N, C-alpha and C. Protein backbone atom coordinates (compact mmCIF):
# COMPACT_ATOMS: atom_id res chain seq x y z
N MET A 1 130.49 132.66 112.99
CA MET A 1 129.28 133.46 112.88
C MET A 1 129.58 134.88 113.35
N THR A 2 129.14 135.87 112.56
CA THR A 2 129.39 137.27 112.92
C THR A 2 128.55 137.66 114.13
N SER A 3 128.92 138.80 114.74
CA SER A 3 128.18 139.26 115.91
C SER A 3 126.74 139.61 115.55
N ASP A 4 126.51 140.16 114.35
CA ASP A 4 125.15 140.48 113.93
C ASP A 4 124.32 139.21 113.80
N LYS A 5 124.88 138.19 113.16
CA LYS A 5 124.14 136.95 112.99
C LYS A 5 123.87 136.28 114.34
N ARG A 6 124.84 136.33 115.21
CA ARG A 6 124.66 135.75 116.54
C ARG A 6 123.53 136.45 117.28
N ALA A 7 123.49 137.77 117.18
CA ALA A 7 122.44 138.53 117.86
C ALA A 7 121.07 138.18 117.30
N ILE A 8 120.98 138.01 115.99
CA ILE A 8 119.70 137.66 115.36
C ILE A 8 119.27 136.26 115.77
N LYS A 9 120.20 135.32 115.70
CA LYS A 9 119.89 133.94 116.09
C LYS A 9 119.44 133.88 117.55
N ASP A 10 120.22 134.49 118.44
CA ASP A 10 119.89 134.47 119.86
C ASP A 10 118.57 135.18 120.12
N GLY A 11 118.35 136.29 119.40
CA GLY A 11 117.11 137.03 119.58
C GLY A 11 115.89 136.20 119.23
N TYR A 12 115.94 135.53 118.08
CA TYR A 12 114.80 134.71 117.69
C TYR A 12 114.63 133.50 118.60
N ASP A 13 115.71 132.98 119.14
CA ASP A 13 115.59 131.91 120.14
C ASP A 13 114.83 132.42 121.37
N GLU A 14 115.21 133.60 121.83
CA GLU A 14 114.66 134.11 123.09
C GLU A 14 113.20 134.53 122.97
N VAL A 15 112.79 135.03 121.81
CA VAL A 15 111.41 135.53 121.68
C VAL A 15 110.51 134.53 120.97
N ALA A 16 110.92 133.27 120.89
CA ALA A 16 110.20 132.29 120.07
C ALA A 16 108.72 132.23 120.38
N ASP A 17 108.35 132.17 121.64
CA ASP A 17 106.94 132.05 121.98
C ASP A 17 106.17 133.34 121.69
N GLU A 18 106.74 134.48 122.04
CA GLU A 18 106.08 135.76 121.80
C GLU A 18 105.93 136.00 120.29
N TYR A 19 106.96 135.68 119.53
CA TYR A 19 106.90 135.88 118.08
C TYR A 19 105.82 134.99 117.47
N LEU A 20 105.75 133.75 117.88
CA LEU A 20 104.74 132.84 117.35
C LEU A 20 103.34 133.31 117.71
N ALA A 21 103.17 133.83 118.91
CA ALA A 21 101.85 134.31 119.34
C ALA A 21 101.36 135.46 118.47
N ARG A 22 102.28 136.19 117.87
CA ARG A 22 101.90 137.34 117.04
C ARG A 22 101.74 136.98 115.57
N ARG A 23 102.08 135.76 115.20
CA ARG A 23 101.90 135.33 113.82
C ARG A 23 100.44 134.99 113.58
N SER A 24 99.99 135.22 112.36
CA SER A 24 98.59 134.98 112.02
C SER A 24 98.49 134.16 110.75
N ASP A 25 97.59 133.20 110.76
CA ASP A 25 97.35 132.43 109.54
C ASP A 25 96.73 133.28 108.44
N ASP A 26 96.20 134.46 108.79
CA ASP A 26 95.67 135.34 107.77
C ASP A 26 96.75 135.74 106.77
N ALA A 27 98.00 135.83 107.25
CA ALA A 27 99.09 136.22 106.37
C ALA A 27 99.35 135.19 105.28
N ALA A 28 98.89 133.97 105.49
CA ALA A 28 99.06 132.93 104.48
C ALA A 28 98.20 133.20 103.26
N GLU A 29 97.23 134.09 103.39
CA GLU A 29 96.37 134.42 102.26
C GLU A 29 96.88 135.65 101.51
N SER A 30 98.13 136.01 101.69
CA SER A 30 98.67 137.20 101.05
C SER A 30 98.75 137.02 99.54
N PRO A 31 98.52 138.09 98.77
CA PRO A 31 98.59 137.99 97.31
C PRO A 31 99.92 137.44 96.79
N PRO A 32 101.09 137.81 97.36
CA PRO A 32 102.33 137.22 96.83
C PRO A 32 102.39 135.70 97.01
N LEU A 33 101.87 135.20 98.11
CA LEU A 33 101.87 133.76 98.31
C LEU A 33 100.85 133.09 97.37
N ASP A 34 99.72 133.77 97.15
CA ASP A 34 98.76 133.27 96.15
C ASP A 34 99.43 133.17 94.78
N TRP A 35 100.19 134.21 94.43
CA TRP A 35 100.89 134.24 93.14
C TRP A 35 101.78 133.02 92.98
N LEU A 36 102.50 132.68 94.03
CA LEU A 36 103.40 131.53 93.98
C LEU A 36 102.61 130.23 93.86
N CYS A 37 101.60 130.07 94.71
CA CYS A 37 100.86 128.82 94.72
C CYS A 37 100.13 128.56 93.40
N GLU A 38 99.64 129.62 92.77
CA GLU A 38 98.93 129.46 91.50
C GLU A 38 99.84 128.98 90.38
N ARG A 39 101.13 129.20 90.52
CA ARG A 39 102.08 128.87 89.46
C ARG A 39 102.86 127.58 89.71
N LEU A 40 102.74 127.05 90.89
CA LEU A 40 103.47 125.84 91.23
C LEU A 40 102.62 124.60 91.00
N ALA A 41 103.20 123.62 90.36
CA ALA A 41 102.51 122.34 90.24
C ALA A 41 102.43 121.68 91.61
N ASP A 42 101.36 120.89 91.82
CA ASP A 42 101.27 120.13 93.06
C ASP A 42 102.53 119.30 93.26
N ASP A 43 102.96 119.22 94.50
CA ASP A 43 104.17 118.48 94.87
C ASP A 43 105.45 119.16 94.42
N GLY A 44 105.36 120.43 93.99
CA GLY A 44 106.57 121.19 93.71
C GLY A 44 107.39 121.32 94.98
N ARG A 45 108.70 121.38 94.82
CA ARG A 45 109.58 121.46 96.00
C ARG A 45 109.91 122.93 96.27
N VAL A 46 109.61 123.38 97.49
CA VAL A 46 109.73 124.79 97.84
C VAL A 46 110.67 124.95 99.03
N LEU A 47 111.55 125.94 98.92
CA LEU A 47 112.43 126.30 100.01
C LEU A 47 111.88 127.54 100.70
N ASP A 48 111.58 127.42 101.99
CA ASP A 48 111.14 128.56 102.80
C ASP A 48 112.36 129.04 103.58
N ALA A 49 112.96 130.10 103.09
CA ALA A 49 114.23 130.60 103.63
C ALA A 49 113.96 131.61 104.74
N GLY A 50 114.37 131.26 105.95
CA GLY A 50 114.02 132.06 107.11
C GLY A 50 112.60 131.72 107.53
N CYS A 51 112.36 130.43 107.72
CA CYS A 51 111.01 129.90 107.90
C CYS A 51 110.41 130.20 109.25
N GLY A 52 111.23 130.58 110.24
CA GLY A 52 110.70 130.81 111.57
C GLY A 52 110.02 129.57 112.11
N ALA A 53 108.86 129.77 112.75
CA ALA A 53 108.14 128.67 113.38
C ALA A 53 107.21 127.94 112.40
N GLY A 54 107.33 128.24 111.12
CA GLY A 54 106.56 127.54 110.11
C GLY A 54 105.16 128.06 109.88
N VAL A 55 104.78 129.09 110.62
CA VAL A 55 103.44 129.67 110.54
C VAL A 55 103.55 131.12 110.08
N PRO A 56 102.83 131.50 109.04
CA PRO A 56 101.83 130.72 108.30
C PRO A 56 102.34 130.14 106.98
N VAL A 57 103.55 130.53 106.54
CA VAL A 57 103.94 130.25 105.15
C VAL A 57 104.15 128.76 104.90
N ALA A 58 105.04 128.13 105.66
CA ALA A 58 105.31 126.72 105.43
C ALA A 58 104.05 125.88 105.62
N ARG A 59 103.23 126.27 106.61
CA ARG A 59 102.01 125.51 106.86
C ARG A 59 101.11 125.51 105.63
N ARG A 60 100.93 126.67 105.01
CA ARG A 60 100.06 126.71 103.82
C ARG A 60 100.70 125.96 102.66
N LEU A 61 101.97 126.20 102.41
CA LEU A 61 102.63 125.57 101.27
C LEU A 61 102.63 124.04 101.39
N ALA A 62 102.76 123.55 102.61
CA ALA A 62 102.90 122.11 102.81
C ALA A 62 101.62 121.33 102.54
N THR A 63 100.50 122.03 102.36
CA THR A 63 99.27 121.30 102.04
C THR A 63 99.32 120.72 100.64
N ASP A 64 100.10 121.33 99.74
CA ASP A 64 100.16 120.85 98.35
C ASP A 64 101.57 120.61 97.84
N HIS A 65 102.58 121.00 98.61
CA HIS A 65 103.94 120.98 98.09
C HIS A 65 104.90 120.33 99.08
N ASP A 66 106.06 119.98 98.55
CA ASP A 66 107.15 119.41 99.35
C ASP A 66 107.98 120.57 99.87
N VAL A 67 107.88 120.87 101.15
CA VAL A 67 108.48 122.08 101.72
C VAL A 67 109.70 121.74 102.56
N VAL A 68 110.76 122.53 102.33
CA VAL A 68 111.95 122.49 103.18
C VAL A 68 112.13 123.89 103.76
N GLY A 69 112.17 123.99 105.08
CA GLY A 69 112.40 125.27 105.73
C GLY A 69 113.79 125.34 106.32
N ILE A 70 114.41 126.51 106.24
CA ILE A 70 115.73 126.71 106.82
C ILE A 70 115.70 127.98 107.66
N ASP A 71 116.36 127.92 108.81
CA ASP A 71 116.38 129.06 109.72
C ASP A 71 117.62 128.96 110.61
N PHE A 72 118.07 130.13 111.09
CA PHE A 72 119.16 130.20 112.07
C PHE A 72 118.78 129.59 113.41
N SER A 73 117.54 129.90 113.83
CA SER A 73 117.14 129.73 115.22
C SER A 73 116.71 128.31 115.54
N ARG A 74 117.38 127.71 116.48
CA ARG A 74 117.02 126.36 116.91
C ARG A 74 115.61 126.33 117.52
N GLU A 75 115.27 127.35 118.31
CA GLU A 75 113.95 127.38 118.95
C GLU A 75 112.84 127.59 117.95
N GLN A 76 113.07 128.44 116.94
CA GLN A 76 112.06 128.60 115.90
C GLN A 76 111.85 127.29 115.16
N LEU A 77 112.93 126.59 114.86
CA LEU A 77 112.82 125.32 114.14
C LEU A 77 112.11 124.26 114.97
N ARG A 78 112.35 124.26 116.26
CA ARG A 78 111.65 123.29 117.12
C ARG A 78 110.15 123.48 117.03
N ARG A 79 109.71 124.72 117.03
CA ARG A 79 108.28 124.99 116.91
C ARG A 79 107.77 124.69 115.51
N ALA A 80 108.60 124.97 114.50
CA ALA A 80 108.19 124.67 113.13
C ALA A 80 107.91 123.18 112.94
N ARG A 81 108.77 122.35 113.52
CA ARG A 81 108.57 120.90 113.39
C ARG A 81 107.28 120.45 114.07
N GLU A 82 106.89 121.15 115.14
CA GLU A 82 105.63 120.83 115.81
C GLU A 82 104.44 121.35 115.00
N ASN A 83 104.59 122.51 114.39
CA ASN A 83 103.48 123.16 113.69
C ASN A 83 103.22 122.57 112.30
N VAL A 84 104.27 122.10 111.64
CA VAL A 84 104.14 121.62 110.25
C VAL A 84 104.89 120.29 110.14
N ALA A 85 104.28 119.25 110.64
CA ALA A 85 104.97 117.96 110.75
C ALA A 85 105.33 117.37 109.39
N GLN A 86 104.60 117.74 108.34
CA GLN A 86 104.84 117.14 107.03
C GLN A 86 105.98 117.81 106.26
N ALA A 87 106.54 118.89 106.78
CA ALA A 87 107.66 119.57 106.12
C ALA A 87 108.98 119.17 106.79
N LEU A 88 110.08 119.44 106.09
CA LEU A 88 111.43 119.20 106.62
C LEU A 88 112.04 120.54 107.01
N PHE A 89 112.60 120.61 108.21
CA PHE A 89 113.20 121.86 108.68
C PHE A 89 114.65 121.61 109.10
N VAL A 90 115.54 122.50 108.64
CA VAL A 90 116.96 122.36 108.93
C VAL A 90 117.53 123.69 109.39
N GLN A 91 118.54 123.62 110.22
CA GLN A 91 119.20 124.83 110.70
C GLN A 91 120.30 125.20 109.72
N GLY A 92 120.38 126.48 109.35
CA GLY A 92 121.41 126.89 108.41
C GLY A 92 121.37 128.37 108.10
N ASP A 93 122.25 128.76 107.19
CA ASP A 93 122.51 130.15 106.82
C ASP A 93 122.16 130.33 105.35
N MET A 94 121.36 131.35 105.04
CA MET A 94 120.95 131.59 103.66
C MET A 94 122.10 131.89 102.72
N SER A 95 123.20 132.36 103.26
CA SER A 95 124.33 132.73 102.38
C SER A 95 125.17 131.53 101.98
N THR A 96 124.97 130.40 102.65
CA THR A 96 125.77 129.20 102.35
C THR A 96 124.89 127.96 102.48
N PHE A 97 123.92 127.82 101.60
CA PHE A 97 123.04 126.66 101.63
C PHE A 97 123.83 125.37 101.45
N GLY A 98 123.38 124.33 102.11
CA GLY A 98 123.99 123.02 101.92
C GLY A 98 123.23 122.17 100.92
N PHE A 99 122.42 122.80 100.06
CA PHE A 99 121.61 122.06 99.09
C PHE A 99 122.32 122.00 97.74
N ALA A 100 122.03 120.95 97.00
CA ALA A 100 122.61 120.79 95.67
C ALA A 100 121.99 121.78 94.68
N GLU A 101 122.66 121.99 93.57
CA GLU A 101 122.11 122.82 92.50
C GLU A 101 120.78 122.24 92.01
N ASP A 102 119.90 123.14 91.55
CA ASP A 102 118.63 122.74 90.94
C ASP A 102 117.78 121.87 91.87
N SER A 103 117.78 122.18 93.15
CA SER A 103 117.07 121.36 94.13
C SER A 103 115.60 121.73 94.30
N PHE A 104 115.23 122.97 93.93
CA PHE A 104 113.90 123.47 94.26
C PHE A 104 113.20 124.09 93.04
N ASP A 105 111.86 124.04 93.10
CA ASP A 105 111.04 124.69 92.08
C ASP A 105 110.74 126.14 92.45
N ALA A 106 110.85 126.47 93.72
CA ALA A 106 110.56 127.82 94.17
C ALA A 106 111.26 128.09 95.49
N VAL A 107 111.48 129.37 95.75
CA VAL A 107 112.01 129.80 97.04
C VAL A 107 111.21 131.00 97.50
N CYS A 108 110.88 131.04 98.78
CA CYS A 108 110.26 132.23 99.34
C CYS A 108 111.06 132.66 100.56
N ALA A 109 111.10 133.96 100.76
CA ALA A 109 111.79 134.53 101.92
C ALA A 109 110.97 135.73 102.39
N PHE A 110 110.06 135.46 103.32
CA PHE A 110 109.18 136.50 103.84
C PHE A 110 109.77 137.08 105.12
N PHE A 111 110.18 138.35 105.05
CA PHE A 111 110.72 139.07 106.20
C PHE A 111 111.91 138.36 106.83
N SER A 112 112.73 137.77 106.00
CA SER A 112 113.96 137.15 106.49
C SER A 112 115.20 137.77 105.84
N LEU A 113 115.12 138.10 104.56
CA LEU A 113 116.26 138.77 103.92
C LEU A 113 116.61 140.08 104.60
N ILE A 114 115.64 140.68 105.25
CA ILE A 114 115.88 141.98 105.89
C ILE A 114 116.82 141.87 107.10
N HIS A 115 117.15 140.65 107.50
CA HIS A 115 118.12 140.44 108.57
C HIS A 115 119.52 140.11 108.04
N VAL A 116 119.66 139.91 106.75
CA VAL A 116 120.96 139.51 106.19
C VAL A 116 121.90 140.71 106.16
N PRO A 117 123.15 140.56 106.63
CA PRO A 117 124.10 141.67 106.55
C PRO A 117 124.22 142.21 105.13
N LEU A 118 124.36 143.52 105.00
CA LEU A 118 124.36 144.16 103.68
C LEU A 118 125.36 143.55 102.72
N ASP A 119 126.54 143.20 103.23
CA ASP A 119 127.58 142.70 102.33
C ASP A 119 127.34 141.24 101.90
N GLU A 120 126.24 140.62 102.37
CA GLU A 120 125.95 139.25 101.99
C GLU A 120 124.72 139.12 101.09
N HIS A 121 124.05 140.23 100.78
CA HIS A 121 122.83 140.15 99.98
C HIS A 121 123.10 139.62 98.57
N THR A 122 124.20 140.02 97.97
CA THR A 122 124.49 139.50 96.62
C THR A 122 124.77 138.00 96.68
N ARG A 123 125.44 137.55 97.72
CA ARG A 123 125.73 136.12 97.86
C ARG A 123 124.44 135.31 98.04
N VAL A 124 123.50 135.85 98.80
CA VAL A 124 122.23 135.15 99.01
C VAL A 124 121.46 135.04 97.70
N ALA A 125 121.44 136.12 96.91
CA ALA A 125 120.77 136.05 95.61
C ALA A 125 121.40 134.99 94.73
N THR A 126 122.72 134.88 94.76
CA THR A 126 123.42 133.86 93.99
C THR A 126 123.07 132.46 94.48
N GLU A 127 122.95 132.29 95.79
CA GLU A 127 122.57 131.00 96.34
C GLU A 127 121.14 130.62 95.96
N PHE A 128 120.24 131.57 95.99
CA PHE A 128 118.87 131.29 95.54
C PHE A 128 118.88 130.80 94.09
N HIS A 129 119.64 131.48 93.25
CA HIS A 129 119.73 131.08 91.84
C HIS A 129 120.31 129.68 91.71
N ARG A 130 121.32 129.39 92.49
CA ARG A 130 122.00 128.10 92.38
C ARG A 130 121.09 126.93 92.74
N VAL A 131 120.30 127.09 93.80
CA VAL A 131 119.48 125.96 94.24
C VAL A 131 118.15 125.85 93.52
N LEU A 132 117.78 126.88 92.74
CA LEU A 132 116.54 126.82 91.97
C LEU A 132 116.76 126.18 90.61
N ARG A 133 115.78 125.41 90.18
CA ARG A 133 115.82 124.85 88.84
C ARG A 133 115.56 125.95 87.82
N PRO A 134 115.98 125.76 86.56
CA PRO A 134 115.67 126.75 85.52
C PRO A 134 114.17 127.02 85.46
N GLY A 135 113.82 128.28 85.45
CA GLY A 135 112.42 128.66 85.46
C GLY A 135 111.80 128.70 86.84
N GLY A 136 112.60 128.40 87.88
CA GLY A 136 112.09 128.41 89.24
C GLY A 136 111.68 129.80 89.68
N LEU A 137 110.78 129.87 90.66
CA LEU A 137 110.18 131.12 91.09
C LEU A 137 110.71 131.56 92.45
N ALA A 138 110.73 132.87 92.66
CA ALA A 138 111.17 133.43 93.94
C ALA A 138 110.20 134.52 94.37
N VAL A 139 109.82 134.51 95.64
CA VAL A 139 108.98 135.55 96.24
C VAL A 139 109.71 136.04 97.47
N LEU A 140 110.13 137.30 97.45
CA LEU A 140 111.06 137.80 98.46
C LEU A 140 110.61 139.15 99.00
N THR A 141 110.54 139.27 100.32
CA THR A 141 110.31 140.56 100.95
C THR A 141 111.62 141.35 100.97
N VAL A 142 111.57 142.60 100.48
CA VAL A 142 112.76 143.44 100.42
C VAL A 142 112.46 144.80 101.05
N GLY A 143 113.47 145.69 101.02
CA GLY A 143 113.46 146.85 101.88
C GLY A 143 112.67 148.07 101.50
N GLY A 144 111.98 148.08 100.36
CA GLY A 144 111.20 149.24 99.99
C GLY A 144 112.06 150.36 99.42
N ALA A 145 111.56 151.57 99.50
CA ALA A 145 112.24 152.70 98.86
C ALA A 145 113.57 153.04 99.50
N ASP A 146 113.72 152.74 100.76
CA ASP A 146 114.93 153.10 101.49
C ASP A 146 115.51 151.89 102.19
N GLY A 147 116.81 151.69 102.05
CA GLY A 147 117.48 150.67 102.83
C GLY A 147 117.73 151.16 104.24
N TRP A 148 118.09 150.24 105.10
CA TRP A 148 118.32 150.61 106.51
C TRP A 148 119.11 149.53 107.21
N SER A 149 119.94 149.95 108.14
CA SER A 149 120.61 149.03 109.06
C SER A 149 120.46 149.60 110.47
N GLY A 150 120.10 148.74 111.40
CA GLY A 150 119.94 149.21 112.77
C GLY A 150 119.45 148.11 113.68
N ASN A 151 119.08 148.50 114.89
CA ASN A 151 118.65 147.51 115.87
C ASN A 151 117.55 148.09 116.74
N ASN A 152 116.86 147.19 117.43
CA ASN A 152 115.88 147.56 118.45
C ASN A 152 116.24 146.77 119.71
N PRO A 153 116.63 147.46 120.77
CA PRO A 153 117.05 146.74 121.98
C PRO A 153 115.89 146.15 122.78
N ASP A 154 114.66 146.49 122.40
CA ASP A 154 113.49 146.01 123.14
C ASP A 154 112.43 145.53 122.14
N TRP A 155 112.85 144.61 121.29
CA TRP A 155 111.97 144.13 120.22
C TRP A 155 110.77 143.38 120.79
N LEU A 156 109.59 143.70 120.27
CA LEU A 156 108.32 143.11 120.72
C LEU A 156 108.09 143.32 122.21
N GLU A 157 108.76 144.36 122.75
CA GLU A 157 108.64 144.70 124.17
C GLU A 157 109.04 143.52 125.06
N THR A 158 110.08 142.82 124.64
CA THR A 158 110.56 141.65 125.38
C THR A 158 111.88 141.91 126.09
N GLY A 159 112.50 143.06 125.84
CA GLY A 159 113.83 143.32 126.37
C GLY A 159 114.93 142.62 125.59
N VAL A 160 114.57 142.03 124.45
CA VAL A 160 115.52 141.30 123.60
C VAL A 160 115.90 142.17 122.40
N GLU A 161 117.20 142.19 122.08
CA GLU A 161 117.66 142.96 120.93
C GLU A 161 117.42 142.20 119.63
N MET A 162 117.04 142.97 118.57
CA MET A 162 116.99 142.43 117.22
C MET A 162 117.66 143.42 116.27
N ARG A 163 118.30 142.87 115.23
CA ARG A 163 119.01 143.69 114.26
C ARG A 163 118.49 143.43 112.85
N TRP A 164 118.55 144.49 112.03
CA TRP A 164 118.13 144.42 110.63
C TRP A 164 119.17 145.08 109.74
N SER A 165 119.20 144.66 108.48
CA SER A 165 120.16 145.23 107.53
C SER A 165 119.68 144.89 106.12
N PHE A 166 119.27 145.92 105.36
CA PHE A 166 118.74 145.64 104.03
C PHE A 166 118.90 146.85 103.11
N PRO A 167 119.14 146.59 101.81
CA PRO A 167 119.20 147.66 100.83
C PRO A 167 117.80 148.04 100.37
N ASP A 168 117.70 149.09 99.55
CA ASP A 168 116.41 149.46 98.98
C ASP A 168 116.01 148.45 97.89
N THR A 169 114.76 148.55 97.45
CA THR A 169 114.23 147.58 96.49
C THR A 169 114.99 147.58 95.18
N GLU A 170 115.36 148.75 94.68
CA GLU A 170 116.07 148.82 93.41
C GLU A 170 117.39 148.06 93.49
N THR A 171 118.09 148.19 94.59
CA THR A 171 119.35 147.47 94.76
C THR A 171 119.10 145.98 94.84
N SER A 172 118.07 145.57 95.58
CA SER A 172 117.73 144.15 95.65
C SER A 172 117.39 143.58 94.28
N ALA A 173 116.66 144.35 93.48
CA ALA A 173 116.32 143.90 92.13
C ALA A 173 117.57 143.74 91.28
N ARG A 174 118.53 144.64 91.44
CA ARG A 174 119.79 144.52 90.69
C ARG A 174 120.55 143.27 91.12
N HIS A 175 120.55 142.98 92.42
CA HIS A 175 121.21 141.77 92.90
C HIS A 175 120.61 140.53 92.24
N LEU A 176 119.28 140.49 92.16
CA LEU A 176 118.61 139.34 91.55
C LEU A 176 118.93 139.24 90.07
N ASP A 177 118.90 140.36 89.38
CA ASP A 177 119.21 140.36 87.96
C ASP A 177 120.63 139.86 87.71
N SER A 178 121.57 140.34 88.49
CA SER A 178 122.97 139.92 88.33
C SER A 178 123.15 138.44 88.64
N ALA A 179 122.33 137.92 89.54
CA ALA A 179 122.44 136.51 89.92
C ALA A 179 121.83 135.58 88.88
N GLY A 180 120.96 136.12 88.00
CA GLY A 180 120.36 135.28 86.96
C GLY A 180 118.85 135.21 87.01
N PHE A 181 118.22 136.17 87.70
CA PHE A 181 116.76 136.21 87.79
C PHE A 181 116.19 137.29 86.87
N GLU A 182 114.96 137.07 86.44
CA GLU A 182 114.15 138.10 85.82
C GLU A 182 113.11 138.54 86.84
N VAL A 183 113.13 139.80 87.22
CA VAL A 183 112.14 140.32 88.16
C VAL A 183 110.85 140.58 87.38
N LEU A 184 109.79 139.88 87.76
CA LEU A 184 108.53 139.95 87.03
C LEU A 184 107.60 141.02 87.57
N GLU A 185 107.56 141.16 88.88
CA GLU A 185 106.66 142.13 89.51
C GLU A 185 107.30 142.67 90.78
N ARG A 186 106.82 143.85 91.14
CA ARG A 186 107.23 144.49 92.38
C ARG A 186 105.96 144.99 93.05
N ARG A 187 105.69 144.54 94.26
CA ARG A 187 104.44 144.88 94.92
C ARG A 187 104.69 145.48 96.30
N PRO A 188 104.00 146.58 96.62
CA PRO A 188 104.10 147.11 97.99
C PRO A 188 103.35 146.21 98.96
N ILE A 189 103.78 146.22 100.21
CA ILE A 189 103.07 145.51 101.27
C ILE A 189 102.23 146.53 102.02
N GLU A 190 100.95 146.28 102.12
CA GLU A 190 100.03 147.22 102.72
C GLU A 190 100.44 147.55 104.16
N ASP A 191 100.35 148.83 104.49
CA ASP A 191 100.68 149.31 105.84
C ASP A 191 102.11 148.98 106.24
N SER A 192 103.01 149.03 105.27
CA SER A 192 104.41 148.69 105.53
C SER A 192 105.30 149.45 104.55
N ALA A 193 106.53 149.70 104.96
CA ALA A 193 107.52 150.29 104.06
C ALA A 193 108.15 149.24 103.15
N PHE A 194 107.93 147.97 103.44
CA PHE A 194 108.56 146.89 102.68
C PHE A 194 107.81 146.60 101.38
N GLU A 195 108.49 145.91 100.49
CA GLU A 195 107.90 145.49 99.23
C GLU A 195 108.21 144.02 98.98
N VAL A 196 107.53 143.45 98.00
CA VAL A 196 107.78 142.07 97.59
C VAL A 196 108.23 142.06 96.14
N LEU A 197 109.29 141.31 95.87
CA LEU A 197 109.74 141.08 94.51
C LEU A 197 109.33 139.67 94.10
N LEU A 198 108.71 139.55 92.95
CA LEU A 198 108.32 138.28 92.36
C LEU A 198 109.24 138.06 91.16
N ALA A 199 109.99 136.99 91.16
CA ALA A 199 111.04 136.80 90.16
C ALA A 199 111.06 135.37 89.65
N LYS A 200 111.70 135.21 88.51
CA LYS A 200 111.83 133.90 87.87
C LYS A 200 113.28 133.65 87.53
N ASN A 201 113.74 132.45 87.80
CA ASN A 201 115.11 132.06 87.46
C ASN A 201 115.22 131.94 85.94
N ARG A 202 116.07 132.75 85.34
CA ARG A 202 116.19 132.70 83.87
C ARG A 202 116.68 131.34 83.41
N GLU A 203 116.16 130.90 82.29
CA GLU A 203 116.46 129.58 81.79
C GLU A 203 117.64 129.58 80.81
N ASP A 204 118.19 130.76 80.47
CA ASP A 204 119.31 130.80 79.53
C ASP A 204 120.63 130.60 80.27
């Protein structure tokens, strides 16, 4: 594990309670998540990549779908299993999924890709394509107009370091296209520099 990944994993372990306290179920009503839910058949299998403590995304999805969450952080996963008992949560790395090809109908990654090292973003897009069935859907938070790499040594005012690394939206869209996705929509996130890409796994 690289030093950046170790810092991210350790950081999320250390701030698990504070991070969960700041999560809101209101975020589960976001238009991008609505977009996904409206297009998924009941019992569709969804991968929540960078699931954190399972709130609010996995919790909402699990009411109608078969959800698998994956995250670096052992402490985040422990809370996710308590918060969303009907979903399956596993520890792992988005760049090297242990799932078989065509395992999922959809993948979502809300504010998790922004922690992936820059040189691994293309690999993650390829992994998303590999584990999605033909025609599968993806909803991904990406970096907006400007990419950035950096850290905050006092994240959430906890004294814990957190690191981020992400390209701009156009670059992320190119990564998805090269991996085999059709980007259907691009939406800004209100009061944020980030954006959401809504994409479909090409069937050809």
